[in-house]
Amino acid sequence: MISIFSAVATAFQTISMLIAPAIGSLFAKLIGASIKLLVAGGATWLMGVIVLLFIVKRINHSKKIKGEFNN
């Protein structure tokens, strides 16, 4: 059963890698390459901030469990 899920996940990844350049070029043609790059950069930055906040929250939670907080 696990191999079926793995195969489906791999298929979705492969399909998205094949389709992404076509969608990206379509967006670049419709809205312009500079705007597309700004939006992609902003989305990447936002995802990075969310991940960093999640990591900090997780570290603080583990410190709280271990009793290492000084508050």
N, C-alpha and C. Protein backbone atom coordinates (compact mmCIF):
# COMPACT_ATOMS: atom_id res chain seq x y z
N MET A 1 0.82 -1.19 0.00
CA MET A 1 0.00 0.00 0.00
C MET A 1 0.86 1.26 0.00
N ILE A 2 1.97 1.23 0.73
CA ILE A 2 2.85 2.39 0.78
C ILE A 2 3.46 2.66 -0.59
N SER A 3 3.77 1.61 -1.34
CA SER A 3 4.37 1.82 -2.65
C SER A 3 3.41 2.51 -3.62
N ILE A 4 2.11 2.29 -3.44
CA ILE A 4 1.12 2.97 -4.28
C ILE A 4 1.15 4.47 -4.00
N PHE A 5 1.17 4.84 -2.71
CA PHE A 5 1.22 6.26 -2.35
C PHE A 5 2.52 6.89 -2.83
N SER A 6 3.60 6.17 -2.74
CA SER A 6 4.88 6.68 -3.21
C SER A 6 4.85 6.90 -4.71
N ALA A 7 4.26 5.98 -5.42
CA ALA A 7 4.17 6.11 -6.88
C ALA A 7 3.30 7.30 -7.28
N VAL A 8 2.20 7.50 -6.57
CA VAL A 8 1.31 8.62 -6.86
C VAL A 8 2.02 9.94 -6.56
N ALA A 9 2.72 10.02 -5.42
CA ALA A 9 3.45 11.24 -5.07
C ALA A 9 4.53 11.54 -6.11
N THR A 10 5.24 10.52 -6.54
CA THR A 10 6.27 10.70 -7.55
C THR A 10 5.67 11.15 -8.88
N ALA A 11 4.52 10.60 -9.22
CA ALA A 11 3.85 10.99 -10.46
C ALA A 11 3.44 12.46 -10.42
N PHE A 12 2.89 12.92 -9.29
CA PHE A 12 2.50 14.33 -9.17
C PHE A 12 3.72 15.24 -9.26
N GLN A 13 4.82 14.84 -8.64
CA GLN A 13 6.03 15.65 -8.73
C GLN A 13 6.53 15.74 -10.17
N THR A 14 6.53 14.63 -10.86
CA THR A 14 7.01 14.60 -12.23
C THR A 14 6.12 15.43 -13.14
N ILE A 15 4.82 15.28 -12.97
CA ILE A 15 3.87 16.05 -13.80
C ILE A 15 4.03 17.54 -13.55
N SER A 16 4.18 17.92 -12.27
CA SER A 16 4.32 19.35 -11.98
C SER A 16 5.62 19.92 -12.54
N MET A 17 6.69 19.12 -12.54
CA MET A 17 7.95 19.60 -13.12
C MET A 17 7.85 19.74 -14.63
N LEU A 18 7.02 18.93 -15.26
CA LEU A 18 6.85 19.04 -16.71
C LEU A 18 5.93 20.20 -17.10
N ILE A 19 4.93 20.48 -16.28
CA ILE A 19 3.95 21.51 -16.60
C ILE A 19 4.41 22.90 -16.18
N ALA A 20 5.21 23.00 -15.12
CA ALA A 20 5.60 24.30 -14.56
C ALA A 20 6.24 25.24 -15.57
N PRO A 21 7.17 24.81 -16.42
CA PRO A 21 7.75 25.76 -17.38
C PRO A 21 6.72 26.33 -18.36
N ALA A 22 5.79 25.51 -18.78
CA ALA A 22 4.76 26.00 -19.70
C ALA A 22 3.86 27.03 -19.03
N ILE A 23 3.46 26.77 -17.79
CA ILE A 23 2.62 27.71 -17.06
C ILE A 23 3.40 29.00 -16.77
N GLY A 24 4.67 28.85 -16.40
CA GLY A 24 5.50 30.03 -16.13
C GLY A 24 5.68 30.91 -17.35
N SER A 25 5.90 30.30 -18.49
CA SER A 25 6.06 31.09 -19.70
C SER A 25 4.75 31.75 -20.12
N LEU A 26 3.64 31.08 -19.88
CA LEU A 26 2.32 31.67 -20.17
C LEU A 26 2.09 32.89 -19.30
N PHE A 27 2.38 32.77 -17.99
CA PHE A 27 2.24 33.92 -17.09
C PHE A 27 3.18 35.05 -17.49
N ALA A 28 4.40 34.72 -17.88
CA ALA A 28 5.35 35.75 -18.29
C ALA A 28 4.85 36.49 -19.52
N LYS A 29 4.22 35.77 -20.42
CA LYS A 29 3.70 36.41 -21.63
C LYS A 29 2.49 37.29 -21.31
N LEU A 30 1.65 36.82 -20.37
CA LEU A 30 0.43 37.57 -20.05
C LEU A 30 0.71 38.79 -19.17
N ILE A 31 1.53 38.65 -18.14
CA ILE A 31 1.70 39.76 -17.19
C ILE A 31 3.09 40.39 -17.23
N GLY A 32 3.99 39.81 -17.96
CA GLY A 32 5.34 40.35 -18.05
C GLY A 32 6.29 39.58 -17.13
N ALA A 33 7.50 39.46 -17.59
CA ALA A 33 8.47 38.65 -16.85
C ALA A 33 8.89 39.30 -15.54
N SER A 34 9.02 40.62 -15.52
CA SER A 34 9.48 41.27 -14.29
C SER A 34 8.47 41.13 -13.16
N ILE A 35 7.20 41.27 -13.47
CA ILE A 35 6.17 41.11 -12.44
C ILE A 35 6.12 39.66 -11.95
N LYS A 36 6.24 38.75 -12.88
CA LYS A 36 6.24 37.33 -12.50
C LYS A 36 7.40 37.02 -11.57
N LEU A 37 8.57 37.55 -11.87
CA LEU A 37 9.73 37.31 -11.02
C LEU A 37 9.57 37.98 -9.65
N LEU A 38 8.98 39.16 -9.61
CA LEU A 38 8.73 39.81 -8.33
C LEU A 38 7.74 39.00 -7.48
N VAL A 39 6.70 38.50 -8.09
CA VAL A 39 5.72 37.69 -7.36
C VAL A 39 6.35 36.39 -6.88
N ALA A 40 7.14 35.75 -7.73
CA ALA A 40 7.80 34.50 -7.34
C ALA A 40 8.79 34.75 -6.21
N GLY A 41 9.53 35.85 -6.27
CA GLY A 41 10.47 36.18 -5.21
C GLY A 41 9.76 36.49 -3.91
N GLY A 42 8.67 37.21 -3.99
CA GLY A 42 7.87 37.52 -2.80
C GLY A 42 7.28 36.27 -2.17
N ALA A 43 6.80 35.37 -3.00
CA ALA A 43 6.24 34.12 -2.48
C ALA A 43 7.32 33.27 -1.83
N THR A 44 8.51 33.24 -2.43
CA THR A 44 9.62 32.49 -1.84
C THR A 44 10.03 33.10 -0.51
N TRP A 45 10.09 34.42 -0.44
CA TRP A 45 10.43 35.11 0.80
C TRP A 45 9.39 34.80 1.88
N LEU A 46 8.12 34.87 1.52
CA LEU A 46 7.05 34.60 2.47
C LEU A 46 7.11 33.17 2.99
N MET A 47 7.35 32.22 2.11
CA MET A 47 7.47 30.83 2.55
C MET A 47 8.66 30.66 3.48
N GLY A 48 9.76 31.34 3.20
CA GLY A 48 10.93 31.27 4.07
C GLY A 48 10.64 31.82 5.46
N VAL A 49 9.93 32.94 5.52
CA VAL A 49 9.57 33.53 6.82
C VAL A 49 8.66 32.59 7.60
N ILE A 50 7.70 31.99 6.92
CA ILE A 50 6.79 31.06 7.59
C ILE A 50 7.55 29.86 8.14
N VAL A 51 8.48 29.32 7.36
CA VAL A 51 9.27 28.18 7.83
C VAL A 51 10.14 28.57 9.02
N LEU A 52 10.77 29.75 8.96
CA LEU A 52 11.59 30.20 10.07
C LEU A 52 10.77 30.39 11.34
N LEU A 53 9.57 30.96 11.21
CA LEU A 53 8.70 31.11 12.37
C LEU A 53 8.30 29.76 12.94
N PHE A 54 8.03 28.81 12.07
CA PHE A 54 7.68 27.46 12.52
C PHE A 54 8.85 26.82 13.26
N ILE A 55 10.07 27.01 12.76
CA ILE A 55 11.26 26.43 13.40
C ILE A 55 11.47 27.06 14.77
N VAL A 56 11.34 28.39 14.86
CA VAL A 56 11.51 29.07 16.15
C VAL A 56 10.46 28.60 17.14
N LYS A 57 9.22 28.47 16.69
CA LYS A 57 8.15 28.00 17.56
C LYS A 57 8.44 26.59 18.06
N ARG A 58 8.93 25.75 17.18
CA ARG A 58 9.22 24.37 17.55
C ARG A 58 10.39 24.30 18.54
N ILE A 59 11.42 25.12 18.32
CA ILE A 59 12.55 25.15 19.25
C ILE A 59 12.09 25.64 20.62
N ASN A 60 11.28 26.70 20.65
CA ASN A 60 10.78 27.21 21.92
C ASN A 60 9.91 26.18 22.62
N HIS A 61 9.12 25.45 21.86
CA HIS A 61 8.27 24.42 22.44
C HIS A 61 9.11 23.30 23.05
N SER A 62 10.17 22.89 22.36
CA SER A 62 11.01 21.83 22.90
C SER A 62 11.77 22.31 24.14
N LYS A 63 12.17 23.59 24.17
CA LYS A 63 12.82 24.14 25.36
C LYS A 63 11.85 24.18 26.53
N LYS A 64 10.60 24.51 26.22
CA LYS A 64 9.58 24.57 27.26
C LYS A 64 9.35 23.19 27.87
N ILE A 65 9.33 22.17 27.03
CA ILE A 65 9.14 20.81 27.50
C ILE A 65 10.32 20.38 28.37
N LYS A 66 11.53 20.75 27.98
CA LYS A 66 12.73 20.37 28.73
C LYS A 66 12.95 21.24 29.95
N GLY A 67 12.19 22.31 30.11
CA GLY A 67 12.34 23.19 31.26
C GLY A 67 13.50 24.14 31.14
N GLU A 68 13.90 24.48 29.93
CA GLU A 68 15.05 25.36 29.73
C GLU A 68 14.65 26.82 29.57
N PHE A 69 13.36 27.13 29.67
CA PHE A 69 12.93 28.51 29.53
C PHE A 69 13.24 29.28 30.80
N ASN A 70 13.67 30.51 30.66
CA ASN A 70 14.00 31.35 31.81
C ASN A 70 12.92 32.36 32.12
N ASN A 71 11.71 32.20 31.56
CA ASN A 71 10.63 33.17 31.78
C ASN A 71 9.95 32.91 33.07
